[in-house]
Amino acid sequence: MEKVIACCGLDCATCDARIATLADDNELRARTAEKWSVQFNAGITTEMINCTGCREAGVKFGHCSQCEIRKCAGSKGYQTCGECEKLENCPTVQMVHQYVPDALGNLQSLN
């Protein structure tokens, strides 16, 4: 499977919201909403599970459209944080990398 790397390095190709959106799979949307509601202690509904990917054209999941990491990269004219010289010491993107170390590796592999 080809990777679809987000600004932070997460692989959108493996994200259930993106998979459900592209397949128009309402069962997966419902399961994802339930899972994320518990995981993130948030009220996420099935209708909210729509996203084509961080750097892809189309709809974004609420968090993705408001993401500070995405905003920062865009404000600097970067496609991803991998282009930034502060990548490994950036407190903004480190919040993702501390939980998903593969995201940093994804960014490093782009260069």
PDB file of N, CA and C in Angstrom:
ATOM      1  N   MET A   1       0.839  -1.175   0.000  1.00  0.00           N
ATOM      2  CA  MET A   1       0.000   0.000   0.000  1.00  0.00           C
ATOM      3  C   MET A   1       0.889   1.245   0.000  1.00  0.00           C
ATOM      4  N   GLU A   2       0.562   2.171  -0.859  1.00  0.00           N
ATOM      5  CA  GLU A   2       1.306   3.418  -0.935  1.00  0.00           C
ATOM      6  C   GLU A   2       0.984   4.287   0.274  1.00  0.00           C
ATOM      7  N   LYS A   3       2.003   4.971   0.791  1.00  0.00           N
ATOM      8  CA  LYS A   3       1.793   5.873   1.925  1.00  0.00           C
ATOM      9  C   LYS A   3       1.271   7.215   1.425  1.00  0.00           C
ATOM     10  N   VAL A   4       0.455   7.835   2.256  1.00  0.00           N
ATOM     11  CA  VAL A   4      -0.062   9.182   2.012  1.00  0.00           C
ATOM     12  C   VAL A   4       0.315   9.975   3.263  1.00  0.00           C
ATOM     13  N   ILE A   5       1.468  10.632   3.211  1.00  0.00           N
ATOM     14  CA  ILE A   5       2.050  11.228   4.404  1.00  0.00           C
ATOM     15  C   ILE A   5       1.459  12.607   4.700  1.00  0.00           C
ATOM     16  N   ALA A   6       0.960  12.759   5.918  1.00  0.00           N
ATOM     17  CA  ALA A   6       0.417  14.028   6.402  1.00  0.00           C
ATOM     18  C   ALA A   6       1.556  14.982   6.749  1.00  0.00           C
ATOM     19  N   CYS A   7       1.226  16.209   7.021  1.00  0.00           N
ATOM     20  CA  CYS A   7       2.235  17.210   7.402  1.00  0.00           C
ATOM     21  C   CYS A   7       3.083  16.730   8.575  1.00  0.00           C
ATOM     22  N   CYS A   8       2.463  16.075   9.549  1.00  0.00           N
ATOM     23  CA  CYS A   8       3.142  15.624  10.762  1.00  0.00           C
ATOM     24  C   CYS A   8       3.888  14.311  10.578  1.00  0.00           C
ATOM     25  N   GLY A   9       3.623  13.611   9.489  1.00  0.00           N
ATOM     26  CA  GLY A   9       4.273  12.327   9.240  1.00  0.00           C
ATOM     27  C   GLY A   9       3.363  11.128   9.391  1.00  0.00           C
ATOM     28  N   LEU A  10       2.170  11.322   9.947  1.00  0.00           N
ATOM     29  CA  LEU A  10       1.228  10.199  10.017  1.00  0.00           C
ATOM     30  C   LEU A  10       0.898   9.742   8.598  1.00  0.00           C
ATOM     31  N   ASP A  11       0.590   8.470   8.454  1.00  0.00           N
ATOM     32  CA  ASP A  11       0.236   7.922   7.147  1.00  0.00           C
ATOM     33  C   ASP A  11      -1.278   7.907   6.995  1.00  0.00           C
ATOM     34  N   CYS A  12      -1.803   8.865   6.256  1.00  0.00           N
ATOM     35  CA  CYS A  12      -3.254   8.974   6.056  1.00  0.00           C
ATOM     36  C   CYS A  12      -3.828   7.738   5.357  1.00  0.00           C
ATOM     37  N   ALA A  13      -3.007   7.015   4.614  1.00  0.00           N
ATOM     38  CA  ALA A  13      -3.496   5.832   3.906  1.00  0.00           C
ATOM     39  C   ALA A  13      -3.991   4.762   4.880  1.00  0.00           C
ATOM     40  N   THR A  14      -3.520   4.806   6.119  1.00  0.00           N
ATOM     41  CA  THR A  14      -3.934   3.813   7.114  1.00  0.00           C
ATOM     42  C   THR A  14      -5.016   4.343   8.053  1.00  0.00           C
ATOM     43  N   CYS A  15      -5.465   5.566   7.838  1.00  0.00           N
ATOM     44  CA  CYS A  15      -6.460   6.194   8.717  1.00  0.00           C
ATOM     45  C   CYS A  15      -7.864   5.702   8.365  1.00  0.00           C
ATOM     46  N   ASP A  16      -8.578   5.233   9.374  1.00  0.00           N
ATOM     47  CA  ASP A  16      -9.929   4.713   9.150  1.00  0.00           C
ATOM     48  C   ASP A  16     -10.895   5.771   8.625  1.00  0.00           C
ATOM     49  N   ALA A  17     -10.699   7.030   9.006  1.00  0.00           N
ATOM     50  CA  ALA A  17     -11.584   8.085   8.482  1.00  0.00           C
ATOM     51  C   ALA A  17     -11.389   8.235   6.981  1.00  0.00           C
ATOM     52  N   ARG A  18     -10.158   8.226   6.528  1.00  0.00           N
ATOM     53  CA  ARG A  18      -9.894   8.352   5.089  1.00  0.00           C
ATOM     54  C   ARG A  18     -10.384   7.118   4.346  1.00  0.00           C
ATOM     55  N   ILE A  19     -10.112   5.949   4.897  1.00  0.00           N
ATOM     56  CA  ILE A  19     -10.543   4.707   4.258  1.00  0.00           C
ATOM     57  C   ILE A  19     -12.067   4.682   4.131  1.00  0.00           C
ATOM     58  N   ALA A  20     -12.762   5.055   5.203  1.00  0.00           N
ATOM     59  CA  ALA A  20     -14.231   5.071   5.182  1.00  0.00           C
ATOM     60  C   ALA A  20     -14.760   6.091   4.185  1.00  0.00           C
ATOM     61  N   THR A  21     -14.102   7.237   4.095  1.00  0.00           N
ATOM     62  CA  THR A  21     -14.540   8.279   3.168  1.00  0.00           C
ATOM     63  C   THR A  21     -14.382   7.825   1.726  1.00  0.00           C
ATOM     64  N   LEU A  22     -13.218   7.308   1.390  1.00  0.00           N
ATOM     65  CA  LEU A  22     -12.963   6.904   0.004  1.00  0.00           C
ATOM     66  C   LEU A  22     -13.848   5.732  -0.419  1.00  0.00           C
ATOM     67  N   ALA A  23     -14.159   4.847   0.535  1.00  0.00           N
ATOM     68  CA  ALA A  23     -15.002   3.679   0.228  1.00  0.00           C
ATOM     69  C   ALA A  23     -16.484   3.954   0.482  1.00  0.00           C
ATOM     70  N   ASP A  24     -16.798   5.136   1.001  1.00  0.00           N
ATOM     71  CA  ASP A  24     -18.158   5.479   1.413  1.00  0.00           C
ATOM     72  C   ASP A  24     -18.750   4.356   2.274  1.00  0.00           C
ATOM     73  N   ASP A  25     -17.976   3.975   3.297  1.00  0.00           N
ATOM     74  CA  ASP A  25     -18.293   2.848   4.173  1.00  0.00           C
ATOM     75  C   ASP A  25     -18.864   3.367   5.498  1.00  0.00           C
ATOM     76  N   ASN A  26     -20.182   3.366   5.605  1.00  0.00           N
ATOM     77  CA  ASN A  26     -20.828   3.894   6.802  1.00  0.00           C
ATOM     78  C   ASN A  26     -20.617   3.031   8.034  1.00  0.00           C
ATOM     79  N   GLU A  27     -20.433   1.731   7.853  1.00  0.00           N
ATOM     80  CA  GLU A  27     -20.130   0.862   8.998  1.00  0.00           C
ATOM     81  C   GLU A  27     -18.790   1.225   9.602  1.00  0.00           C
ATOM     82  N   LEU A  28     -17.782   1.435   8.751  1.00  0.00           N
ATOM     83  CA  LEU A  28     -16.458   1.819   9.239  1.00  0.00           C
ATOM     84  C   LEU A  28     -16.512   3.205   9.873  1.00  0.00           C
ATOM     85  N   ARG A  29     -17.289   4.104   9.301  1.00  0.00           N
ATOM     86  CA  ARG A  29     -17.460   5.431   9.910  1.00  0.00           C
ATOM     87  C   ARG A  29     -18.006   5.294  11.340  1.00  0.00           C
ATOM     88  N   ALA A  30     -19.026   4.466  11.495  1.00  0.00           N
ATOM     89  CA  ALA A  30     -19.651   4.290  12.814  1.00  0.00           C
ATOM     90  C   ALA A  30     -18.664   3.680  13.807  1.00  0.00           C
ATOM     91  N   ARG A  31     -17.939   2.648  13.392  1.00  0.00           N
ATOM     92  CA  ARG A  31     -16.951   2.021  14.277  1.00  0.00           C
ATOM     93  C   ARG A  31     -15.847   3.011  14.646  1.00  0.00           C
ATOM     94  N   THR A  32     -15.412   3.802  13.677  1.00  0.00           N
ATOM     95  CA  THR A  32     -14.350   4.780  13.915  1.00  0.00           C
ATOM     96  C   THR A  32     -14.824   5.872  14.867  1.00  0.00           C
ATOM     97  N   ALA A  33     -16.036   6.354  14.666  1.00  0.00           N
ATOM     98  CA  ALA A  33     -16.591   7.382  15.554  1.00  0.00           C
ATOM     99  C   ALA A  33     -16.662   6.870  16.988  1.00  0.00           C
ATOM    100  N   GLU A  34     -17.116   5.641  17.152  1.00  0.00           N
ATOM    101  CA  GLU A  34     -17.212   5.051  18.492  1.00  0.00           C
ATOM    102  C   GLU A  34     -15.828   4.898  19.120  1.00  0.00           C
ATOM    103  N   LYS A  35     -14.900   4.358  18.354  1.00  0.00           N
ATOM    104  CA  LYS A  35     -13.531   4.135  18.841  1.00  0.00           C
ATOM    105  C   LYS A  35     -12.863   5.457  19.226  1.00  0.00           C
ATOM    106  N   TRP A  36     -12.945   6.452  18.350  1.00  0.00           N
ATOM    107  CA  TRP A  36     -12.286   7.737  18.602  1.00  0.00           C
ATOM    108  C   TRP A  36     -12.969   8.499  19.728  1.00  0.00           C
ATOM    109  N   SER A  37     -14.278   8.352  19.878  1.00  0.00           N
ATOM    110  CA  SER A  37     -14.984   9.016  20.985  1.00  0.00           C
ATOM    111  C   SER A  37     -14.431   8.551  22.324  1.00  0.00           C
ATOM    112  N   VAL A  38     -14.185   7.252  22.426  1.00  0.00           N
ATOM    113  CA  VAL A  38     -13.617   6.688  23.654  1.00  0.00           C
ATOM    114  C   VAL A  38     -12.144   7.072  23.773  1.00  0.00           C
ATOM    115  N   GLN A  39     -11.388   6.855  22.704  1.00  0.00           N
ATOM    116  CA  GLN A  39      -9.940   7.093  22.720  1.00  0.00           C
ATOM    117  C   GLN A  39      -9.590   8.542  23.048  1.00  0.00           C
ATOM    118  N   PHE A  40     -10.345   9.480  22.503  1.00  0.00           N
ATOM    119  CA  PHE A  40     -10.025  10.895  22.667  1.00  0.00           C
ATOM    120  C   PHE A  40     -10.987  11.617  23.619  1.00  0.00           C
ATOM    121  N   ASN A  41     -11.864  10.832  24.281  1.00  0.00           N
ATOM    122  CA  ASN A  41     -12.837  11.392  25.213  1.00  0.00           C
ATOM    123  C   ASN A  41     -13.568  12.580  24.582  1.00  0.00           C
ATOM    124  N   ALA A  42     -14.131  12.316  23.416  1.00  0.00           N
ATOM    125  CA  ALA A  42     -14.806  13.366  22.646  1.00  0.00           C
ATOM    126  C   ALA A  42     -16.092  12.815  22.050  1.00  0.00           C
ATOM    127  N   GLY A  43     -17.011  13.688  21.774  1.00  0.00           N
ATOM    128  CA  GLY A  43     -18.278  13.294  21.160  1.00  0.00           C
ATOM    129  C   GLY A  43     -18.157  13.311  19.646  1.00  0.00           C
ATOM    130  N   ILE A  44     -17.665  12.237  19.085  1.00  0.00           N
ATOM    131  CA  ILE A  44     -17.473  12.146  17.638  1.00  0.00           C
ATOM    132  C   ILE A  44     -18.609  11.318  17.054  1.00  0.00           C
ATOM    133  N   THR A  45     -19.290  11.886  16.079  1.00  0.00           N
ATOM    134  CA  THR A  45     -20.421  11.196  15.453  1.00  0.00           C
ATOM    135  C   THR A  45     -19.996  10.548  14.137  1.00  0.00           C
ATOM    136  N   THR A  46     -20.806   9.631  13.697  1.00  0.00           N
ATOM    137  CA  THR A  46     -20.570   8.965  12.412  1.00  0.00           C
ATOM    138  C   THR A  46     -20.469   9.988  11.284  1.00  0.00           C
ATOM    139  N   GLU A  47     -21.314  11.002  11.337  1.00  0.00           N
ATOM    140  CA  GLU A  47     -21.337  12.025  10.282  1.00  0.00           C
ATOM    141  C   GLU A  47     -20.054  12.843  10.232  1.00  0.00           C
ATOM    142  N   MET A  48     -19.313  12.866  11.320  1.00  0.00           N
ATOM    143  CA  MET A  48     -18.059  13.626  11.373  1.00  0.00           C
ATOM    144  C   MET A  48     -16.897  12.881  10.713  1.00  0.00           C
ATOM    145  N   ILE A  49     -17.056  11.599  10.483  1.00  0.00           N
ATOM    146  CA  ILE A  49     -15.965  10.789   9.945  1.00  0.00           C
ATOM    147  C   ILE A  49     -15.944  10.909   8.426  1.00  0.00           C
ATOM    148  N   ASN A  50     -15.312  11.967   7.969  1.00  0.00           N
ATOM    149  CA  ASN A  50     -15.126  12.240   6.545  1.00  0.00           C
ATOM    150  C   ASN A  50     -13.797  12.959   6.370  1.00  0.00           C
ATOM    151  N   CYS A  51     -12.888  12.371   5.621  1.00  0.00           N
ATOM    152  CA  CYS A  51     -11.585  12.998   5.399  1.00  0.00           C
ATOM    153  C   CYS A  51     -10.906  12.319   4.207  1.00  0.00           C
ATOM    154  N   THR A  52     -10.335  13.131   3.346  1.00  0.00           N
ATOM    155  CA  THR A  52      -9.601  12.584   2.195  1.00  0.00           C
ATOM    156  C   THR A  52      -8.102  12.539   2.444  1.00  0.00           C
ATOM    157  N   GLY A  53      -7.665  13.094   3.573  1.00  0.00           N
ATOM    158  CA  GLY A  53      -6.245  13.111   3.913  1.00  0.00           C
ATOM    159  C   GLY A  53      -5.743  14.531   4.088  1.00  0.00           C
ATOM    160  N   CYS A  54      -4.782  14.687   4.940  1.00  0.00           N
ATOM    161  CA  CYS A  54      -4.254  15.998   5.323  1.00  0.00           C
ATOM    162  C   CYS A  54      -3.833  16.850   4.137  1.00  0.00           C
ATOM    163  N   ARG A  55      -3.109  16.256   3.215  1.00  0.00           N
ATOM    164  CA  ARG A  55      -2.562  17.038   2.098  1.00  0.00           C
ATOM    165  C   ARG A  55      -3.284  16.775   0.784  1.00  0.00           C
ATOM    166  N   GLU A  56      -4.381  16.048   0.855  1.00  0.00           N
ATOM    167  CA  GLU A  56      -5.152  15.723  -0.340  1.00  0.00           C
ATOM    168  C   GLU A  56      -6.301  16.715  -0.495  1.00  0.00           C
ATOM    169  N   ALA A  57      -6.717  16.935  -1.711  1.00  0.00           N
ATOM    170  CA  ALA A  57      -7.880  17.798  -1.954  1.00  0.00           C
ATOM    171  C   ALA A  57      -9.118  17.120  -1.384  1.00  0.00           C
ATOM    172  N   GLY A  58     -10.051  17.915  -0.917  1.00  0.00           N
ATOM    173  CA  GLY A  58     -11.313  17.370  -0.443  1.00  0.00           C
ATOM    174  C   GLY A  58     -11.549  17.641   1.026  1.00  0.00           C
ATOM    175  N   VAL A  59     -12.560  16.991   1.545  1.00  0.00           N
ATOM    176  CA  VAL A  59     -13.024  17.193   2.914  1.00  0.00           C
ATOM    177  C   VAL A  59     -11.961  16.745   3.926  1.00  0.00           C
ATOM    178  N   LYS A  60     -11.955  17.426   5.072  1.00  0.00           N
ATOM    179  CA  LYS A  60     -11.049  17.085   6.173  1.00  0.00           C
ATOM    180  C   LYS A  60     -11.860  16.804   7.428  1.00  0.00           C
ATOM    181  N   PHE A  61     -11.418  15.839   8.201  1.00  0.00           N
ATOM    182  CA  PHE A  61     -11.982  15.594   9.525  1.00  0.00           C
ATOM    183  C   PHE A  61     -11.779  16.867  10.335  1.00  0.00           C
ATOM    184  N   GLY A  62     -12.701  17.206  11.215  1.00  0.00           N
ATOM    185  CA  GLY A  62     -12.657  18.449  11.981  1.00  0.00           C
ATOM    186  C   GLY A  62     -11.289  18.781  12.535  1.00  0.00           C
ATOM    187  N   HIS A  63     -10.662  17.827  13.213  1.00  0.00           N
ATOM    188  CA  HIS A  63      -9.341  18.089  13.783  1.00  0.00           C
ATOM    189  C   HIS A  63      -8.318  18.378  12.691  1.00  0.00           C
ATOM    190  N   CYS A  64      -8.363  17.631  11.634  1.00  0.00           N
ATOM    191  CA  CYS A  64      -7.377  17.800  10.556  1.00  0.00           C
ATOM    192  C   CYS A  64      -7.485  19.176   9.908  1.00  0.00           C
ATOM    193  N   SER A  65      -8.691  19.676   9.777  1.00  0.00           N
ATOM    194  CA  SER A  65      -8.858  20.988   9.148  1.00  0.00           C
ATOM    195  C   SER A  65      -8.372  22.108  10.062  1.00  0.00           C
ATOM    196  N   GLN A  66      -8.320  21.860  11.364  1.00  0.00           N
ATOM    197  CA  GLN A  66      -7.920  22.870  12.347  1.00  0.00           C
ATOM    198  C   GLN A  66      -6.514  22.628  12.908  1.00  0.00           C
ATOM    199  N   CYS A  67      -5.823  21.603  12.440  1.00  0.00           N
ATOM    200  CA  CYS A  67      -4.564  21.143  13.017  1.00  0.00           C
ATOM    201  C   CYS A  67      -3.478  22.225  13.003  1.00  0.00           C
ATOM    202  N   GLU A  68      -2.902  22.492  14.180  1.00  0.00           N
ATOM    203  CA  GLU A  68      -1.842  23.496  14.315  1.00  0.00           C
ATOM    204  C   GLU A  68      -0.581  23.090  13.550  1.00  0.00           C
ATOM    205  N   ILE A  69      -0.318  21.811  13.476  1.00  0.00           N
ATOM    206  CA  ILE A  69       0.854  21.329  12.740  1.00  0.00           C
ATOM    207  C   ILE A  69       0.668  21.624  11.257  1.00  0.00           C
ATOM    208  N   ARG A  70      -0.491  21.308  10.741  1.00  0.00           N
ATOM    209  CA  ARG A  70      -0.814  21.557   9.331  1.00  0.00           C
ATOM    210  C   ARG A  70      -0.754  23.054   9.020  1.00  0.00           C
ATOM    211  N   LYS A  71      -1.307  23.873   9.930  1.00  0.00           N
ATOM    212  CA  LYS A  71      -1.279  25.322   9.746  1.00  0.00           C
ATOM    213  C   LYS A  71       0.156  25.843   9.730  1.00  0.00           C
ATOM    214  N   CYS A  72       0.983  25.352  10.625  1.00  0.00           N
ATOM    215  CA  CYS A  72       2.374  25.801  10.717  1.00  0.00           C
ATOM    216  C   CYS A  72       3.133  25.462   9.435  1.00  0.00           C
ATOM    217  N   ALA A  73       3.035  24.215   8.996  1.00  0.00           N
ATOM    218  CA  ALA A  73       3.736  23.808   7.766  1.00  0.00           C
ATOM    219  C   ALA A  73       3.268  24.660   6.587  1.00  0.00           C
ATOM    220  N   GLY A  74       1.967  24.861   6.468  1.00  0.00           N
ATOM    221  CA  GLY A  74       1.429  25.666   5.374  1.00  0.00           C
ATOM    222  C   GLY A  74       1.893  27.107   5.424  1.00  0.00           C
ATOM    223  N   SER A  75       1.972  27.666   6.631  1.00  0.00           N
ATOM    224  CA  SER A  75       2.392  29.070   6.763  1.00  0.00           C
ATOM    225  C   SER A  75       3.839  29.272   6.339  1.00  0.00           C
ATOM    226  N   LYS A  76       4.626  28.202   6.392  1.00  0.00           N
ATOM    227  CA  LYS A  76       6.030  28.272   5.989  1.00  0.00           C
ATOM    228  C   LYS A  76       6.226  27.840   4.536  1.00  0.00           C
ATOM    229  N   GLY A  77       5.128  27.454   3.885  1.00  0.00           N
ATOM    230  CA  GLY A  77       5.206  27.005   2.506  1.00  0.00           C
ATOM    231  C   GLY A  77       5.706  25.583   2.357  1.00  0.00           C
ATOM    232  N   TYR A  78       5.654  24.808   3.442  1.00  0.00           N
ATOM    233  CA  TYR A  78       6.129  23.417   3.420  1.00  0.00           C
ATOM    234  C   TYR A  78       4.981  22.462   3.104  1.00  0.00           C
ATOM    235  N   GLN A  79       5.305  21.383   2.429  1.00  0.00           N
ATOM    236  CA  GLN A  79       4.342  20.302   2.232  1.00  0.00           C
ATOM    237  C   GLN A  79       4.199  19.488   3.515  1.00  0.00           C
ATOM    238  N   THR A  80       5.340  19.245   4.189  1.00  0.00           N
ATOM    239  CA  THR A  80       5.358  18.496   5.441  1.00  0.00           C
ATOM    240  C   THR A  80       6.365  19.124   6.389  1.00  0.00           C
ATOM    241  N   CYS A  81       6.320  18.703   7.632  1.00  0.00           N
ATOM    242  CA  CYS A  81       7.289  19.158   8.627  1.00  0.00           C
ATOM    243  C   CYS A  81       8.690  18.638   8.323  1.00  0.00           C
ATOM    244  N   GLY A  82       8.779  17.655   7.456  1.00  0.00           N
ATOM    245  CA  GLY A  82      10.083  17.112   7.077  1.00  0.00           C
ATOM    246  C   GLY A  82      10.966  18.134   6.385  1.00  0.00           C
ATOM    247  N   GLU A  83      10.393  19.196   5.878  1.00  0.00           N
ATOM    248  CA  GLU A  83      11.158  20.248   5.211  1.00  0.00           C
ATOM    249  C   GLU A  83      11.726  21.266   6.197  1.00  0.00           C
ATOM    250  N   CYS A  84      11.290  21.214   7.435  1.00  0.00           N
ATOM    251  CA  CYS A  84      11.669  22.211   8.437  1.00  0.00           C
ATOM    252  C   CYS A  84      12.936  21.797   9.171  1.00  0.00           C
ATOM    253  N   GLU A  85      13.848  22.756   9.315  1.00  0.00           N
ATOM    254  CA  GLU A  85      15.102  22.483  10.018  1.00  0.00           C
ATOM    255  C   GLU A  85      14.893  22.237  11.514  1.00  0.00           C
ATOM    256  N   LYS A  86      13.736  22.602  12.046  1.00  0.00           N
ATOM    257  CA  LYS A  86      13.439  22.415  13.467  1.00  0.00           C
ATOM    258  C   LYS A  86      12.696  21.113  13.757  1.00  0.00           C
ATOM    259  N   LEU A  87      12.547  20.263  12.769  1.00  0.00           N
ATOM    260  CA  LEU A  87      11.730  19.054  12.877  1.00  0.00           C
ATOM    261  C   LEU A  87      11.966  18.267  14.163  1.00  0.00           C
ATOM    262  N   GLU A  88      13.194  17.927  14.450  1.00  0.00           N
ATOM    263  CA  GLU A  88      13.465  17.022  15.570  1.00  0.00           C
ATOM    264  C   GLU A  88      13.367  17.699  16.931  1.00  0.00           C
ATOM    265  N   ASN A  89      13.279  19.019  16.976  1.00  0.00           N
ATOM    266  CA  ASN A  89      13.168  19.732  18.245  1.00  0.00           C
ATOM    267  C   ASN A  89      11.890  20.551  18.356  1.00  0.00           C
ATOM    268  N   CYS A  90      10.966  20.347  17.456  1.00  0.00           N
ATOM    269  CA  CYS A  90       9.740  21.142  17.423  1.00  0.00           C
ATOM    270  C   CYS A  90       8.719  20.591  18.416  1.00  0.00           C
ATOM    271  N   PRO A  91       8.329  21.394  19.421  1.00  0.00           N
ATOM    272  CA  PRO A  91       7.351  20.908  20.391  1.00  0.00           C
ATOM    273  C   PRO A  91       5.963  20.686  19.785  1.00  0.00           C
ATOM    274  N   THR A  92       5.652  21.378  18.713  1.00  0.00           N
ATOM    275  CA  THR A  92       4.334  21.238  18.097  1.00  0.00           C
ATOM    276  C   THR A  92       4.159  19.855  17.485  1.00  0.00           C
ATOM    277  N   VAL A  93       5.117  19.420  16.688  1.00  0.00           N
ATOM    278  CA  VAL A  93       4.994  18.117  16.026  1.00  0.00           C
ATOM    279  C   VAL A  93       5.449  16.965  16.929  1.00  0.00           C
ATOM    280  N   GLN A  94       6.241  17.261  17.949  1.00  0.00           N
ATOM    281  CA  GLN A  94       6.695  16.193  18.854  1.00  0.00           C
ATOM    282  C   GLN A  94       5.548  15.539  19.601  1.00  0.00           C
ATOM    283  N   MET A  95       4.437  16.266  19.764  1.00  0.00           N
ATOM    284  CA  MET A  95       3.289  15.656  20.454  1.00  0.00           C
ATOM    285  C   MET A  95       2.745  14.468  19.662  1.00  0.00           C
ATOM    286  N   VAL A  96       2.907  14.476  18.345  1.00  0.00           N
ATOM    287  CA  VAL A  96       2.520  13.332  17.522  1.00  0.00           C
ATOM    288  C   VAL A  96       3.612  12.271  17.575  1.00  0.00           C
ATOM    289  N   HIS A  97       4.855  12.680  17.411  1.00  0.00           N
ATOM    290  CA  HIS A  97       5.960  11.734  17.318  1.00  0.00           C
ATOM    291  C   HIS A  97       6.207  10.957  18.609  1.00  0.00           C
ATOM    292  N   GLN A  98       5.843  11.527  19.752  1.00  0.00           N
ATOM    293  CA  GLN A  98       6.029  10.793  21.006  1.00  0.00           C
ATOM    294  C   GLN A  98       5.094   9.593  21.089  1.00  0.00           C
ATOM    295  N   TYR A  99       3.943   9.680  20.432  1.00  0.00           N
ATOM    296  CA  TYR A  99       2.981   8.579  20.447  1.00  0.00           C
ATOM    297  C   TYR A  99       3.065   7.689  19.210  1.00  0.00           C
ATOM    298  N   VAL A 100       3.542   8.261  18.102  1.00  0.00           N
ATOM    299  CA  VAL A 100       3.663   7.499  16.851  1.00  0.00           C
ATOM    300  C   VAL A 100       5.050   7.770  16.254  1.00  0.00           C
ATOM    301  N   PRO A 101       6.070   7.080  16.775  1.00  0.00           N
ATOM    302  CA  PRO A 101       7.441   7.316  16.303  1.00  0.00           C
ATOM    303  C   PRO A 101       7.620   7.068  14.802  1.00  0.00           C
ATOM    304  N   ASP A 102       6.795   6.215  14.220  1.00  0.00           N
ATOM    305  CA  ASP A 102       6.888   5.963  12.779  1.00  0.00           C
ATOM    306  C   ASP A 102       6.625   7.226  11.967  1.00  0.00           C
ATOM    307  N   ALA A 103       5.886   8.171  12.531  1.00  0.00           N
ATOM    308  CA  ALA A 103       5.578   9.410  11.819  1.00  0.00           C
ATOM    309  C   ALA A 103       6.855  10.204  11.545  1.00  0.00           C
ATOM    310  N   LEU A 104       7.757  10.252  12.513  1.00  0.00           N
ATOM    311  CA  LEU A 104       9.040  10.932  12.299  1.00  0.00           C
ATOM    312  C   LEU A 104       9.838  10.209  11.220  1.00  0.00           C
ATOM    313  N   GLY A 105       9.855   8.905  11.245  1.00  0.00           N
ATOM    314  CA  GLY A 105      10.542   8.118  10.220  1.00  0.00           C
ATOM    315  C   GLY A 105       9.961   8.355   8.838  1.00  0.00           C
ATOM    316  N   ASN A 106       8.628   8.482   8.766  1.00  0.00           N
ATOM    317  CA  ASN A 106       7.993   8.773   7.486  1.00  0.00           C
ATOM    318  C   ASN A 106       8.486  10.099   6.923  1.00  0.00           C
ATOM    319  N   LEU A 107       8.592  11.115   7.784  1.00  0.00           N
ATOM    320  CA  LEU A 107       9.062  12.426   7.337  1.00  0.00           C
ATOM    321  C   LEU A 107      10.522  12.366   6.894  1.00  0.00           C
ATOM    322  N   GLN A 108      11.331  11.657   7.666  1.00  0.00           N
ATOM    323  CA  GLN A 108      12.750  11.545   7.330  1.00  0.00           C
ATOM    324  C   GLN A 108      12.964  10.793   6.028  1.00  0.00           C
ATOM    325  N   SER A 109      12.069   9.868   5.722  1.00  0.00           N
ATOM    326  CA  SER A 109      12.219   9.100   4.483  1.00  0.00           C
ATOM    327  C   SER A 109      11.852   9.887   3.236  1.00  0.00           C
ATOM    328  N   LEU A 110      11.173  11.027   3.420  1.00  0.00           N
ATOM    329  CA  LEU A 110      10.784  11.846   2.279  1.00  0.00           C
ATOM    330  C   LEU A 110      11.959  12.643   1.714  1.00  0.00           C
ATOM    331  N   ASN A 111      12.984  12.851   2.523  1.00  0.00           N
ATOM    332  CA  ASN A 111      14.131  13.681   2.092  1.00  0.00           C
ATOM    333  C   ASN A 111      15.197  12.862   1.419  1.00  0.00           C
TER     334      ASN A 111
END
